PDB file of N, CA and C in Angstrom:
ATOM      1  N   UNK A   1      -8.707  30.453  -0.243  1.00  0.00           N
ATOM      2  CA  UNK A   1      -9.813  29.880   0.179  1.00  0.00           C
ATOM      3  C   UNK A   1      -9.807  29.256   1.309  1.00  0.00           C
ATOM      4  N   UNK A   2     -10.551  29.566   2.591  1.00  0.00           N
ATOM      5  CA  UNK A   2      -9.892  29.299   3.666  1.00  0.00           C
ATOM      6  C   UNK A   2     -11.333  28.186   4.167  1.00  0.00           C
ATOM      7  N   UNK A   3     -11.159  26.907   4.115  1.00  0.00           N
ATOM      8  CA  UNK A   3     -12.539  25.860   4.125  1.00  0.00           C
ATOM      9  C   UNK A   3     -11.927  25.430   5.291  1.00  0.00           C
ATOM     10  N   UNK A   4     -13.395  24.380   6.009  1.00  0.00           N
ATOM     11  CA  UNK A   4     -13.384  23.549   7.002  1.00  0.00           C
ATOM     12  C   UNK A   4     -13.819  22.506   6.374  1.00  0.00           C
ATOM     13  N   UNK A   5     -13.303  21.329   6.628  1.00  0.00           N
ATOM     14  CA  UNK A   5     -14.785  20.061   6.114  1.00  0.00           C
ATOM     15  C   UNK A   5     -15.091  19.132   7.373  1.00  0.00           C
ATOM     16  N   UNK A   6     -16.170  18.309   7.619  1.00  0.00           N
ATOM     17  CA  UNK A   6     -16.353  17.548   8.567  1.00  0.00           C
ATOM     18  C   UNK A   6     -17.084  16.179   7.660  1.00  0.00           C
ATOM     19  N   UNK A   7     -17.513  15.438   8.672  1.00  0.00           N
ATOM     20  CA  UNK A   7     -17.780  14.099   8.287  1.00  0.00           C
ATOM     21  C   UNK A   7     -18.493  13.687   9.982  1.00  0.00           C
ATOM     22  N   UNK A   8     -19.804  13.314   9.413  1.00  0.00           N
ATOM     23  CA  UNK A   8     -19.848  12.330  10.967  1.00  0.00           C
ATOM     24  C   UNK A   8     -21.395  11.893  10.658  1.00  0.00           C
ATOM     25  N   UNK A   9     -21.301  10.442  11.319  1.00  0.00           N
ATOM     26  CA  UNK A   9     -22.504   9.275  11.044  1.00  0.00           C
ATOM     27  C   UNK A   9     -23.606  10.392  11.961  1.00  0.00           C
ATOM     28  N   UNK A  10     -25.129  10.394  11.103  1.00  0.00           N
ATOM     29  CA  UNK A  10     -26.108  10.382  11.437  1.00  0.00           C
ATOM     30  C   UNK A  10     -27.347   9.485  11.762  1.00  0.00           C
ATOM     31  N   UNK A  11     -27.147   8.088  11.182  1.00  0.00           N
ATOM     32  CA  UNK A  11     -27.674   7.125  11.491  1.00  0.00           C
ATOM     33  C   UNK A  11     -26.622   6.071  10.940  1.00  0.00           C
ATOM     34  N   UNK A  12     -27.562   4.796  11.662  1.00  0.00           N
ATOM     35  CA  UNK A  12     -26.958   3.448  11.153  1.00  0.00           C
ATOM     36  C   UNK A  12     -27.363   2.417  11.641  1.00  0.00           C
ATOM     37  N   UNK A  13     -27.469   0.974  11.108  1.00  0.00           N
ATOM     38  CA  UNK A  13     -28.205   0.197  11.441  1.00  0.00           C
ATOM     39  C   UNK A  13     -27.210  -1.122  10.519  1.00  0.00           C
ATOM     40  N   UNK A  14     -28.104  -2.272  10.238  1.00  0.00           N
ATOM     41  CA  UNK A  14     -27.203  -3.362  10.053  1.00  0.00           C
ATOM     42  C   UNK A  14     -27.337  -3.216   8.558  1.00  0.00           C
ATOM     43  N   UNK A  15     -27.799  -2.632   8.206  1.00  0.00           N
ATOM     44  CA  UNK A  15     -27.970  -2.336   6.435  1.00  0.00           C
ATOM     45  C   UNK A  15     -27.053  -0.948   6.018  1.00  0.00           C
ATOM     46  N   UNK A  16     -27.192  -0.036   6.557  1.00  0.00           N
ATOM     47  CA  UNK A  16     -27.061   1.104   5.954  1.00  0.00           C
ATOM     48  C   UNK A  16     -26.054   2.178   6.780  1.00  0.00           C
ATOM     49  N   UNK A  17     -25.298   2.931   6.723  1.00  0.00           N
ATOM     50  CA  UNK A  17     -24.743   3.913   7.483  1.00  0.00           C
ATOM     51  C   UNK A  17     -24.657   5.229   7.060  1.00  0.00           C
ATOM     52  N   UNK A  18     -25.414   6.503   7.384  1.00  0.00           N
ATOM     53  CA  UNK A  18     -25.443   7.648   6.879  1.00  0.00           C
ATOM     54  C   UNK A  18     -24.709   8.839   7.298  1.00  0.00           C
ATOM     55  N   UNK A  19     -23.768   9.188   6.605  1.00  0.00           N
ATOM     56  CA  UNK A  19     -22.824  10.584   6.760  1.00  0.00           C
ATOM     57  C   UNK A  19     -23.410  11.486   6.267  1.00  0.00           C
ATOM     58  N   UNK A  20     -23.120  12.439   7.052  1.00  0.00           N
ATOM     59  CA  UNK A  20     -23.529  13.881   6.630  1.00  0.00           C
ATOM     60  C   UNK A  20     -22.245  14.652   6.652  1.00  0.00           C
ATOM     61  N   UNK A  21     -21.692  15.130   5.540  1.00  0.00           N
ATOM     62  CA  UNK A  21     -20.354  15.784   5.265  1.00  0.00           C
ATOM     63  C   UNK A  21     -20.724  17.293   5.069  1.00  0.00           C
ATOM     64  N   UNK A  22     -19.984  17.769   5.466  1.00  0.00           N
ATOM     65  CA  UNK A  22     -20.528  19.361   5.163  1.00  0.00           C
ATOM     66  C   UNK A  22     -18.542  20.089   5.109  1.00  0.00           C
ATOM     67  N   UNK A  23     -18.599  21.213   4.032  1.00  0.00           N
ATOM     68  CA  UNK A  23     -17.630  21.918   3.743  1.00  0.00           C
ATOM     69  C   UNK A  23     -17.869  23.363   4.189  1.00  0.00           C
ATOM     70  N   UNK A  24     -17.628  24.317   4.909  1.00  0.00           N
ATOM     71  CA  UNK A  24     -17.531  25.202   5.140  1.00  0.00           C
ATOM     72  C   UNK A  24     -16.267  26.527   4.770  1.00  0.00           C
ATOM     73  N   UNK A  25     -16.843  27.951   3.917  1.00  0.00           N
ATOM     74  CA  UNK A  25     -16.334  28.752   3.537  1.00  0.00           C
ATOM     75  C   UNK A  25     -16.078  29.569   4.352  1.00  0.00           C
ATOM     76  N   UNK A  26     -14.948  29.665   5.577  1.00  0.00           N
ATOM     77  CA  UNK A  26     -14.913  30.600   6.855  1.00  0.00           C
ATOM     78  C   UNK A  26     -14.409  32.028   6.356  1.00  0.00           C
ATOM     79  N   UNK A  27     -13.975  32.030   4.739  1.00  0.00           N
ATOM     80  CA  UNK A  27     -14.036  33.695   4.771  1.00  0.00           C
ATOM     81  C   UNK A  27     -15.690  34.359   4.379  1.00  0.00           C
ATOM     82  N   UNK A  28     -16.148  33.506   3.784  1.00  0.00           N
ATOM     83  CA  UNK A  28     -17.488  34.086   3.283  1.00  0.00           C
ATOM     84  C   UNK A  28     -18.922  33.779   3.837  1.00  0.00           C
ATOM     85  N   UNK A  29     -18.456  32.989   5.025  1.00  0.00           N
ATOM     86  CA  UNK A  29     -19.208  32.187   5.581  1.00  0.00           C
ATOM     87  C   UNK A  29     -20.843  31.544   5.296  1.00  0.00           C
ATOM     88  N   UNK A  30     -20.178  30.812   4.157  1.00  0.00           N
ATOM     89  CA  UNK A  30     -21.210  29.833   3.908  1.00  0.00           C
ATOM     90  C   UNK A  30     -21.048  28.447   3.941  1.00  0.00           C
ATOM     91  N   UNK A  31     -21.946  27.669   3.469  1.00  0.00           N
ATOM     92  CA  UNK A  31     -21.912  25.838   3.809  1.00  0.00           C
ATOM     93  C   UNK A  31     -22.493  25.216   2.798  1.00  0.00           C
ATOM     94  N   UNK A  32     -21.808  23.846   2.446  1.00  0.00           N
ATOM     95  CA  UNK A  32     -22.209  23.209   1.796  1.00  0.00           C
ATOM     96  C   UNK A  32     -22.681  21.941   2.458  1.00  0.00           C
ATOM     97  N   UNK A  33     -23.279  21.346   2.308  1.00  0.00           N
ATOM     98  CA  UNK A  33     -23.457  19.552   2.771  1.00  0.00           C
ATOM     99  C   UNK A  33     -24.730  18.788   2.237  1.00  0.00           C
ATOM    100  N   UNK A  34     -23.866  17.632   2.294  1.00  0.00           N
ATOM    101  CA  UNK A  34     -25.137  16.384   1.757  1.00  0.00           C
ATOM    102  C   UNK A  34     -25.233  15.115   2.700  1.00  0.00           C
ATOM    103  N   UNK A  35     -26.075  14.188   2.453  1.00  0.00           N
ATOM    104  CA  UNK A  35     -25.848  13.230   3.301  1.00  0.00           C
ATOM    105  C   UNK A  35     -25.857  11.769   2.465  1.00  0.00           C
ATOM    106  N   UNK A  36     -24.994  11.134   2.804  1.00  0.00           N
ATOM    107  CA  UNK A  36     -24.347   9.961   1.989  1.00  0.00           C
ATOM    108  C   UNK A  36     -24.890   8.892   2.703  1.00  0.00           C
ATOM    109  N   UNK A  37     -25.427   8.054   1.812  1.00  0.00           N
ATOM    110  CA  UNK A  37     -25.763   6.254   2.111  1.00  0.00           C
ATOM    111  C   UNK A  37     -24.737   5.432   1.869  1.00  0.00           C
ATOM    112  N   UNK A  38     -24.482   4.901   2.794  1.00  0.00           N
ATOM    113  CA  UNK A  38     -23.034   3.912   2.745  1.00  0.00           C
ATOM    114  C   UNK A  38     -23.872   2.347   3.179  1.00  0.00           C
ATOM    115  N   UNK A  39     -24.104   1.771   1.938  1.00  0.00           N
ATOM    116  CA  UNK A  39     -24.812   0.418   2.257  1.00  0.00           C
ATOM    117  C   UNK A  39     -23.534  -0.765   2.674  1.00  0.00           C
ATOM    118  N   UNK A  40     -24.232  -1.604   3.752  1.00  0.00           N
ATOM    119  CA  UNK A  40     -23.377  -2.692   4.332  1.00  0.00           C
ATOM    120  C   UNK A  40     -23.057  -3.515   3.772  1.00  0.00           C
ATOM    121  N   UNK A  41     -23.518  -3.604   2.542  1.00  0.00           N
ATOM    122  CA  UNK A  41     -23.379  -4.961   1.399  1.00  0.00           C
ATOM    123  C   UNK A  41     -22.339  -4.842   0.403  1.00  0.00           C
ATOM    124  N   UNK A  42     -21.859  -5.790   0.172  1.00  0.00           N
ATOM    125  CA  UNK A  42     -21.142  -5.947  -0.967  1.00  0.00           C
ATOM    126  C   UNK A  42     -21.200  -6.749  -1.717  1.00  0.00           C
ATOM    127  N   UNK A  43     -21.466  -6.915  -3.408  1.00  0.00           N
ATOM    128  CA  UNK A  43     -21.687  -8.236  -4.266  1.00  0.00           C
ATOM    129  C   UNK A  43     -20.292  -8.671  -4.507  1.00  0.00           C
ATOM    130  N   UNK A  44     -20.648 -10.332  -4.345  1.00  0.00           N
ATOM    131  CA  UNK A  44     -19.427 -11.248  -4.258  1.00  0.00           C
ATOM    132  C   UNK A  44     -19.888 -11.878  -5.640  1.00  0.00           C
ATOM    133  N   UNK A  45     -18.775 -12.684  -6.008  1.00  0.00           N
ATOM    134  CA  UNK A  45     -19.002 -13.789  -7.154  1.00  0.00           C
ATOM    135  C   UNK A  45     -18.898 -15.225  -6.210  1.00  0.00           C
ATOM    136  N   UNK A  46     -19.186 -16.054  -6.076  1.00  0.00           N
ATOM    137  CA  UNK A  46     -19.184 -17.508  -5.944  1.00  0.00           C
ATOM    138  C   UNK A  46     -18.119 -18.141  -6.908  1.00  0.00           C
ATOM    139  N   UNK A  47     -17.842 -19.267  -6.138  1.00  0.00           N
ATOM    140  CA  UNK A  47     -16.922 -20.328  -6.878  1.00  0.00           C
ATOM    141  C   UNK A  47     -17.585 -21.620  -7.113  1.00  0.00           C
ATOM    142  N   UNK A  48     -17.251 -22.074  -8.402  1.00  0.00           N
ATOM    143  CA  UNK A  48     -17.822 -23.247  -8.796  1.00  0.00           C
ATOM    144  C   UNK A  48     -17.165 -24.241  -8.552  1.00  0.00           C
ATOM    145  N   UNK A  49     -17.993 -25.184  -8.298  1.00  0.00           N
ATOM    146  CA  UNK A  49     -17.209 -26.415  -7.694  1.00  0.00           C
ATOM    147  C   UNK A  49     -16.924 -27.445  -8.887  1.00  0.00           C
ATOM    148  N   UNK A  50     -15.594 -27.777  -9.374  1.00  0.00           N
ATOM    149  CA  UNK A  50     -15.095 -28.092 -10.763  1.00  0.00           C
ATOM    150  C   UNK A  50     -15.579 -29.849 -10.621  1.00  0.00           C
ATOM    151  N   UNK A  51     -15.884 -30.279  -8.955  1.00  0.00           N
ATOM    152  CA  UNK A  51     -16.503 -32.113  -9.374  1.00  0.00           C
ATOM    153  C   UNK A  51     -18.171 -31.648 -10.002  1.00  0.00           C
ATOM    154  N   UNK A  52     -18.646 -31.053  -9.258  1.00  0.00           N
ATOM    155  CA  UNK A  52     -20.357 -31.026  -9.252  1.00  0.00           C
ATOM    156  C   UNK A  52     -20.932 -30.024 -10.564  1.00  0.00           C
ATOM    157  N   UNK A  53     -20.124 -28.748 -10.484  1.00  0.00           N
ATOM    158  CA  UNK A  53     -20.624 -27.749 -11.458  1.00  0.00           C
ATOM    159  C   UNK A  53     -21.404 -26.771 -10.335  1.00  0.00           C
ATOM    160  N   UNK A  54     -21.675 -27.401  -9.030  1.00  0.00           N
ATOM    161  CA  UNK A  54     -22.531 -26.284  -8.405  1.00  0.00           C
ATOM    162  C   UNK A  54     -21.654 -25.212  -8.076  1.00  0.00           C
ATOM    163  N   UNK A  55     -22.598 -23.802  -8.036  1.00  0.00           N
ATOM    164  CA  UNK A  55     -21.715 -22.300  -7.539  1.00  0.00           C
ATOM    165  C   UNK A  55     -21.994 -22.654  -6.235  1.00  0.00           C
ATOM    166  N   UNK A  56     -20.851 -22.244  -5.300  1.00  0.00           N
ATOM    167  CA  UNK A  56     -20.834 -22.376  -3.581  1.00  0.00           C
ATOM    168  C   UNK A  56     -20.836 -20.970  -3.591  1.00  0.00           C
ATOM    169  N   UNK A  57     -21.553 -20.255  -2.388  1.00  0.00           N
ATOM    170  CA  UNK A  57     -21.308 -19.010  -2.472  1.00  0.00           C
ATOM    171  C   UNK A  57     -19.710 -18.510  -1.540  1.00  0.00           C
ATOM    172  N   UNK A  58     -19.371 -17.422  -1.555  1.00  0.00           N
ATOM    173  CA  UNK A  58     -18.530 -16.609  -1.042  1.00  0.00           C
ATOM    174  C   UNK A  58     -18.170 -17.496   0.068  1.00  0.00           C
ATOM    175  N   UNK A  59     -16.859 -17.885   0.372  1.00  0.00           N
ATOM    176  CA  UNK A  59     -16.447 -18.677   1.869  1.00  0.00           C
ATOM    177  C   UNK A  59     -16.409 -17.514   3.030  1.00  0.00           C
ATOM    178  N   UNK A  60     -17.028 -17.982   4.063  1.00  0.00           N
ATOM    179  CA  UNK A  60     -17.278 -17.203   4.836  1.00  0.00           C
ATOM    180  C   UNK A  60     -17.685 -15.913   5.193  1.00  0.00           C
ATOM    181  N   UNK A  61     -18.716 -15.710   3.903  1.00  0.00           N
ATOM    182  CA  UNK A  61     -19.285 -14.375   4.333  1.00  0.00           C
ATOM    183  C   UNK A  61     -20.719 -14.719   4.418  1.00  0.00           C
ATOM    184  N   UNK A  62     -21.987 -13.783   5.145  1.00  0.00           N
ATOM    185  CA  UNK A  62     -22.917 -13.971   5.206  1.00  0.00           C
ATOM    186  C   UNK A  62     -23.912 -13.363   3.978  1.00  0.00           C
ATOM    187  N   UNK A  63     -24.096 -14.577   3.780  1.00  0.00           N
ATOM    188  CA  UNK A  63     -25.182 -13.767   1.967  1.00  0.00           C
ATOM    189  C   UNK A  63     -26.339 -13.597   2.369  1.00  0.00           C
ATOM    190  N   UNK A  64     -26.742 -12.386   1.950  1.00  0.00           N
ATOM    191  CA  UNK A  64     -28.073 -11.945   2.065  1.00  0.00           C
ATOM    192  C   UNK A  64     -29.166 -12.230   1.226  1.00  0.00           C
ATOM    193  N   UNK A  65     -28.540 -11.891  -0.347  1.00  0.00           N
ATOM    194  CA  UNK A  65     -29.373 -12.644  -0.890  1.00  0.00           C
ATOM    195  C   UNK A  65     -28.508 -13.034  -2.250  1.00  0.00           C
ATOM    196  N   UNK A  66     -29.220 -13.354  -3.572  1.00  0.00           N
ATOM    197  CA  UNK A  66     -28.316 -13.818  -4.590  1.00  0.00           C
ATOM    198  C   UNK A  66     -29.095 -13.442  -6.068  1.00  0.00           C
ATOM    199  N   UNK A  67     -28.368 -13.331  -6.900  1.00  0.00           N
ATOM    200  CA  UNK A  67     -29.448 -12.888  -8.221  1.00  0.00           C
ATOM    201  C   UNK A  67     -28.208 -13.864  -9.379  1.00  0.00           C
ATOM    202  N   UNK A  68     -28.768 -13.706 -10.714  1.00  0.00           N
ATOM    203  CA  UNK A  68     -27.791 -14.295 -11.772  1.00  0.00           C
ATOM    204  C   UNK A  68     -27.496 -13.162 -12.120  1.00  0.00           C
ATOM    205  N   UNK A  69     -26.034 -13.264 -12.726  1.00  0.00           N
ATOM    206  CA  UNK A  69     -25.587 -11.863 -13.351  1.00  0.00           C
ATOM    207  C   UNK A  69     -25.643 -12.146 -14.589  1.00  0.00           C
ATOM    208  N   UNK A  70     -24.943 -10.745 -15.523  1.00  0.00           N
ATOM    209  CA  UNK A  70     -25.297 -11.105 -17.590  1.00  0.00           C
ATOM    210  C   UNK A  70     -24.645 -12.374 -17.508  1.00  0.00           C
ATOM    211  N   UNK A  71     -24.004 -13.196 -16.877  1.00  0.00           N
ATOM    212  CA  UNK A  71     -23.505 -14.453 -17.651  1.00  0.00           C
ATOM    213  C   UNK A  71     -24.611 -15.341 -17.173  1.00  0.00           C
ATOM    214  N   UNK A  72     -24.933 -15.384 -16.275  1.00  0.00           N
ATOM    215  CA  UNK A  72     -26.090 -16.553 -15.716  1.00  0.00           C
ATOM    216  C   UNK A  72     -25.466 -17.122 -14.735  1.00  0.00           C
ATOM    217  N   UNK A  73     -24.386 -16.465 -13.815  1.00  0.00           N
ATOM    218  CA  UNK A  73     -23.443 -17.173 -12.876  1.00  0.00           C
ATOM    219  C   UNK A  73     -24.729 -16.327 -11.844  1.00  0.00           C
ATOM    220  N   UNK A  74     -24.416 -17.160 -10.481  1.00  0.00           N
ATOM    221  CA  UNK A  74     -25.110 -16.606  -9.629  1.00  0.00           C
ATOM    222  C   UNK A  74     -23.887 -15.308  -8.681  1.00  0.00           C
ATOM    223  N   UNK A  75     -24.827 -14.471  -8.514  1.00  0.00           N
ATOM    224  CA  UNK A  75     -23.624 -13.115  -7.571  1.00  0.00           C
ATOM    225  C   UNK A  75     -24.204 -12.879  -6.586  1.00  0.00           C
ATOM    226  N   UNK A  76     -23.372 -12.951  -5.102  1.00  0.00           N
ATOM    227  CA  UNK A  76     -24.304 -13.056  -4.250  1.00  0.00           C
ATOM    228  C   UNK A  76     -24.020 -11.792  -3.452  1.00  0.00           C
ATOM    229  N   UNK A  77     -25.031 -10.969  -2.897  1.00  0.00           N
ATOM    230  CA  UNK A  77     -25.035  -9.779  -1.767  1.00  0.00           C
ATOM    231  C   UNK A  77     -24.673 -10.232  -0.385  1.00  0.00           C
ATOM    232  N   UNK A  78     -23.661 -10.123   0.073  1.00  0.00           N
ATOM    233  CA  UNK A  78     -23.093 -10.164   1.433  1.00  0.00           C
ATOM    234  C   UNK A  78     -22.802  -9.105   2.086  1.00  0.00           C
ATOM    235  N   UNK A  79     -22.803  -9.504   3.357  1.00  0.00           N
ATOM    236  CA  UNK A  79     -22.534  -8.351   4.576  1.00  0.00           C
ATOM    237  C   UNK A  79     -20.919  -8.049   4.048  1.00  0.00           C
ATOM    238  N   UNK A  80     -20.869  -6.647   4.096  1.00  0.00           N
ATOM    239  CA  UNK A  80     -19.460  -5.927   4.069  1.00  0.00           C
ATOM    240  C   UNK A  80     -18.778  -6.281   5.317  1.00  0.00           C
ATOM    241  N   UNK A  81     -17.385  -6.300   5.000  1.00  0.00           N
ATOM    242  CA  UNK A  81     -16.737  -6.192   6.187  1.00  0.00           C
ATOM    243  C   UNK A  81     -16.315  -4.841   6.719  1.00  0.00           C
ATOM    244  N   UNK A  82     -15.937  -4.622   8.061  1.00  0.00           N
ATOM    245  CA  UNK A  82     -15.718  -3.663   8.579  1.00  0.00           C
ATOM    246  C   UNK A  82     -14.497  -3.044   7.614  1.00  0.00           C
ATOM    247  N   UNK A  83     -13.493  -3.616   7.027  1.00  0.00           N
ATOM    248  CA  UNK A  83     -12.783  -2.642   5.669  1.00  0.00           C
ATOM    249  C   UNK A  83     -13.560  -2.102   4.687  1.00  0.00           C
ATOM    250  N   UNK A  84     -14.368  -2.830   3.972  1.00  0.00           N
ATOM    251  CA  UNK A  84     -14.483  -2.474   2.950  1.00  0.00           C
ATOM    252  C   UNK A  84     -16.155  -1.721   3.460  1.00  0.00           C
ATOM    253  N   UNK A  85     -16.602  -1.319   4.307  1.00  0.00           N
ATOM    254  CA  UNK A  85     -17.558  -0.357   5.143  1.00  0.00           C
ATOM    255  C   UNK A  85     -16.884   0.999   5.014  1.00  0.00           C
ATOM    256  N   UNK A  86     -15.815   0.671   5.724  1.00  0.00           N
ATOM    257  CA  UNK A  86     -14.680   2.140   5.884  1.00  0.00           C
ATOM    258  C   UNK A  86     -14.294   2.372   4.340  1.00  0.00           C
ATOM    259  N   UNK A  87     -14.103   1.773   3.502  1.00  0.00           N
ATOM    260  CA  UNK A  87     -13.074   2.039   2.204  1.00  0.00           C
ATOM    261  C   UNK A  87     -14.623   2.806   1.596  1.00  0.00           C
ATOM    262  N   UNK A  88     -15.528   2.204   1.272  1.00  0.00           N
ATOM    263  CA  UNK A  88     -16.775   2.691   1.015  1.00  0.00           C
ATOM    264  C   UNK A  88     -16.999   4.238   1.290  1.00  0.00           C
ATOM    265  N   UNK A  89     -17.033   4.125   2.731  1.00  0.00           N
ATOM    266  CA  UNK A  89     -17.319   5.397   3.257  1.00  0.00           C
ATOM    267  C   UNK A  89     -16.696   6.552   2.877  1.00  0.00           C
ATOM    268  N   UNK A  90     -15.427   6.245   2.839  1.00  0.00           N
ATOM    269  CA  UNK A  90     -14.002   6.959   3.026  1.00  0.00           C
ATOM    270  C   UNK A  90     -13.892   7.836   1.513  1.00  0.00           C
ATOM    271  N   UNK A  91     -14.638   7.116   0.409  1.00  0.00           N
ATOM    272  CA  UNK A  91     -14.319   7.158  -1.113  1.00  0.00           C
ATOM    273  C   UNK A  91     -15.548   8.215  -1.336  1.00  0.00           C
ATOM    274  N   UNK A  92     -17.102   7.491  -0.648  1.00  0.00           N
ATOM    275  CA  UNK A  92     -17.913   8.631  -0.780  1.00  0.00           C
ATOM    276  C   UNK A  92     -17.574   9.749  -0.276  1.00  0.00           C
ATOM    277  N   UNK A  93     -16.854  10.325   1.071  1.00  0.00           N
ATOM    278  CA  UNK A  93     -16.710  11.357   1.886  1.00  0.00           C
ATOM    279  C   UNK A  93     -15.987  12.256   0.957  1.00  0.00           C
ATOM    280  N   UNK A  94     -14.912  11.791   0.283  1.00  0.00           N
ATOM    281  CA  UNK A  94     -14.187  12.316  -0.293  1.00  0.00           C
ATOM    282  C   UNK A  94     -14.464  13.347  -1.483  1.00  0.00           C
ATOM    283  N   UNK A  95     -15.409  12.700  -2.213  1.00  0.00           N
ATOM    284  CA  UNK A  95     -15.942  12.710  -3.613  1.00  0.00           C
ATOM    285  C   UNK A  95     -16.862  13.739  -3.191  1.00  0.00           C
ATOM    286  N   UNK A  96     -17.777  13.344  -2.245  1.00  0.00           N
ATOM    287  CA  UNK A  96     -18.684  14.443  -1.550  1.00  0.00           C
ATOM    288  C   UNK A  96     -17.753  16.157  -1.414  1.00  0.00           C
ATOM    289  N   UNK A  97     -16.965  15.818  -0.450  1.00  0.00           N
ATOM    290  CA  UNK A  97     -16.322  17.084  -0.092  1.00  0.00           C
ATOM    291  C   UNK A  97     -15.756  17.854  -1.087  1.00  0.00           C
ATOM    292  N   UNK A  98     -15.181  17.104  -2.215  1.00  0.00           N
ATOM    293  CA  UNK A  98     -14.400  17.653  -3.324  1.00  0.00           C
ATOM    294  C   UNK A  98     -15.668  18.478  -3.976  1.00  0.00           C
ATOM    295  N   UNK A  99     -16.795  18.006  -4.258  1.00  0.00           N
ATOM    296  CA  UNK A  99     -18.115  18.285  -4.968  1.00  0.00           C
ATOM    297  C   UNK A  99     -18.210  19.816  -4.598  1.00  0.00           C
ATOM    298  N   UNK A 100     -18.569  19.528  -3.300  1.00  0.00           N
ATOM    299  CA  UNK A 100     -19.141  20.924  -2.150  1.00  0.00           C
ATOM    300  C   UNK A 100     -18.144  21.588  -2.435  1.00  0.00           C
ATOM    301  N   UNK A 101     -16.508  21.592  -2.372  1.00  0.00           N
ATOM    302  CA  UNK A 101     -15.588  22.751  -2.259  1.00  0.00           C
ATOM    303  C   UNK A 101     -15.948  23.008  -3.833  1.00  0.00           C
ATOM    304  N   UNK A 102     -15.740  22.394  -4.860  1.00  0.00           N
ATOM    305  CA  UNK A 102     -15.727  23.257  -6.116  1.00  0.00           C
ATOM    306  C   UNK A 102     -16.705  23.786  -6.108  1.00  0.00           C
ATOM    307  N   UNK A 103     -17.981  23.650  -5.755  1.00  0.00           N
ATOM    308  CA  UNK A 103     -18.750  24.626  -5.838  1.00  0.00           C
ATOM    309  C   UNK A 103     -18.835  25.971  -5.102  1.00  0.00           C
ATOM    310  N   UNK A 104     -17.938  25.693  -4.273  1.00  0.00           N
ATOM    311  CA  UNK A 104     -18.072  27.551  -3.386  1.00  0.00           C
ATOM    312  C   UNK A 104     -16.417  27.829  -4.286  1.00  0.00           C
ATOM    313  N   UNK A 105     -16.004  27.313  -4.861  1.00  0.00           N
ATOM    314  CA  UNK A 105     -14.975  28.296  -5.763  1.00  0.00           C
ATOM    315  C   UNK A 105     -15.849  29.596  -6.548  1.00  0.00           C
ATOM    316  N   UNK A 106     -15.496  30.530  -6.275  1.00  0.00           N
ATOM    317  CA  UNK A 106     -15.864  31.887  -6.789  1.00  0.00           C
ATOM    318  C   UNK A 106     -15.967  31.808  -8.204  1.00  0.00           C
ATOM    319  N   UNK A 107     -16.651  32.265  -9.239  1.00  0.00           N
ATOM    320  CA  UNK A 107     -16.579  32.042 -10.686  1.00  0.00           C
ATOM    321  C   UNK A 107     -15.102  32.619 -11.433  1.00  0.00           C
ATOM    322  N   UNK A 108     -15.028  33.620 -10.803  1.00  0.00           N
ATOM    323  CA  UNK A 108     -13.921  34.383 -11.524  1.00  0.00           C
ATOM    324  C   UNK A 108     -12.491  33.564 -11.496  1.00  0.00           C
ATOM    325  N   UNK A 109     -12.490  32.239 -10.554  1.00  0.00           N
ATOM    326  CA  UNK A 109     -11.252  31.676 -10.817  1.00  0.00           C
ATOM    327  C   UNK A 109     -11.640  30.608 -11.315  1.00  0.00           C
ATOM    328  N   UNK A 110     -12.786  30.083 -12.036  1.00  0.00           N
ATOM    329  CA  UNK A 110     -12.909  29.130 -12.298  1.00  0.00           C
ATOM    330  C   UNK A 110     -11.970  29.207 -13.711  1.00  0.00           C
ATOM    331  N   UNK A 111     -11.719  27.928 -14.300  1.00  0.00           N
ATOM    332  CA  UNK A 111     -11.097  28.106 -15.692  1.00  0.00           C
ATOM    333  C   UNK A 111     -11.678  27.492 -16.623  1.00  0.00           C
ATOM    334  N   UNK A 112     -11.541  28.208 -18.033  1.00  0.00           N
ATOM    335  CA  UNK A 112     -12.442  27.562 -18.842  1.00  0.00           C
ATOM    336  C   UNK A 112     -11.456  27.336 -19.949  1.00  0.00           C
ATOM    337  N   UNK A 113     -11.430  26.360 -20.916  1.00  0.00           N
ATOM    338  CA  UNK A 113     -10.283  25.809 -21.851  1.00  0.00           C
ATOM    339  C   UNK A 113     -10.797  26.950 -23.211  1.00  0.00           C
ATOM    340  N   UNK A 114      -9.787  27.931 -23.695  1.00  0.00           N
ATOM    341  CA  UNK A 114      -9.941  28.403 -24.542  1.00  0.00           C
ATOM    342  C   UNK A 114      -9.965  27.344 -26.344  1.00  0.00           C
ATOM    343  N   UNK A 115     -11.055  28.222 -27.030  1.00  0.00           N
ATOM    344  CA  UNK A 115     -10.779  27.324 -28.355  1.00  0.00           C
ATOM    345  C   UNK A 115      -9.511  26.838 -28.939  1.00  0.00           C
ATOM    346  N   UNK A 116      -8.750  28.133 -28.715  1.00  0.00           N
ATOM    347  CA  UNK A 116      -7.762  27.504 -30.032  1.00  0.00           C
ATOM    348  C   UNK A 116      -6.870  26.472 -28.819  1.00  0.00           C
ATOM    349  N   UNK A 117      -6.662  26.377 -27.688  1.00  0.00           N
ATOM    350  CA  UNK A 117      -5.778  25.082 -26.683  1.00  0.00           C
ATOM    351  C   UNK A 117      -6.799  23.352 -26.960  1.00  0.00           C
ATOM    352  N   UNK A 118      -8.068  23.882 -27.160  1.00  0.00           N
ATOM    353  CA  UNK A 118      -8.744  22.353 -27.518  1.00  0.00           C
ATOM    354  C   UNK A 118      -9.084  22.188 -28.553  1.00  0.00           C
ATOM    355  N   UNK A 119      -7.832  22.722 -29.901  1.00  0.00           N
ATOM    356  CA  UNK A 119      -8.196  22.277 -31.159  1.00  0.00           C
ATOM    357  C   UNK A 119      -6.470  21.709 -31.188  1.00  0.00           C
ATOM    358  N   UNK A 120      -6.424  20.557 -31.842  1.00  0.00           N
ATOM    359  CA  UNK A 120      -5.396  19.693 -32.740  1.00  0.00           C
ATOM    360  C   UNK A 120      -4.562  20.138 -33.468  1.00  0.00           C
TER     361      UNK A 120
END
């Protein structure tokens, strides 16, 4: 299979980046694409002050909002660093391109487990 993949940002603001990712089958002249949304925020746990018992937001992070997690402790939505955004983006692009590539595999090349091989 001779394929080409690409990814490019189509929209960006302070809170999200939208990336269009595509996989092109150069032999059959078909393509598959999708747009993925990368939020530029991450959820972080704060620290509890040992003396007062109060929760302190993550140090050095811009807090956007907060909520109580399932343990009743505050969890903070903070602006993601450039590295965090890049890691999220690369992960989502890889998953999208893998899925798009798998959809292009002709049915005769797909493998299925035989009933005998799945028995213990």
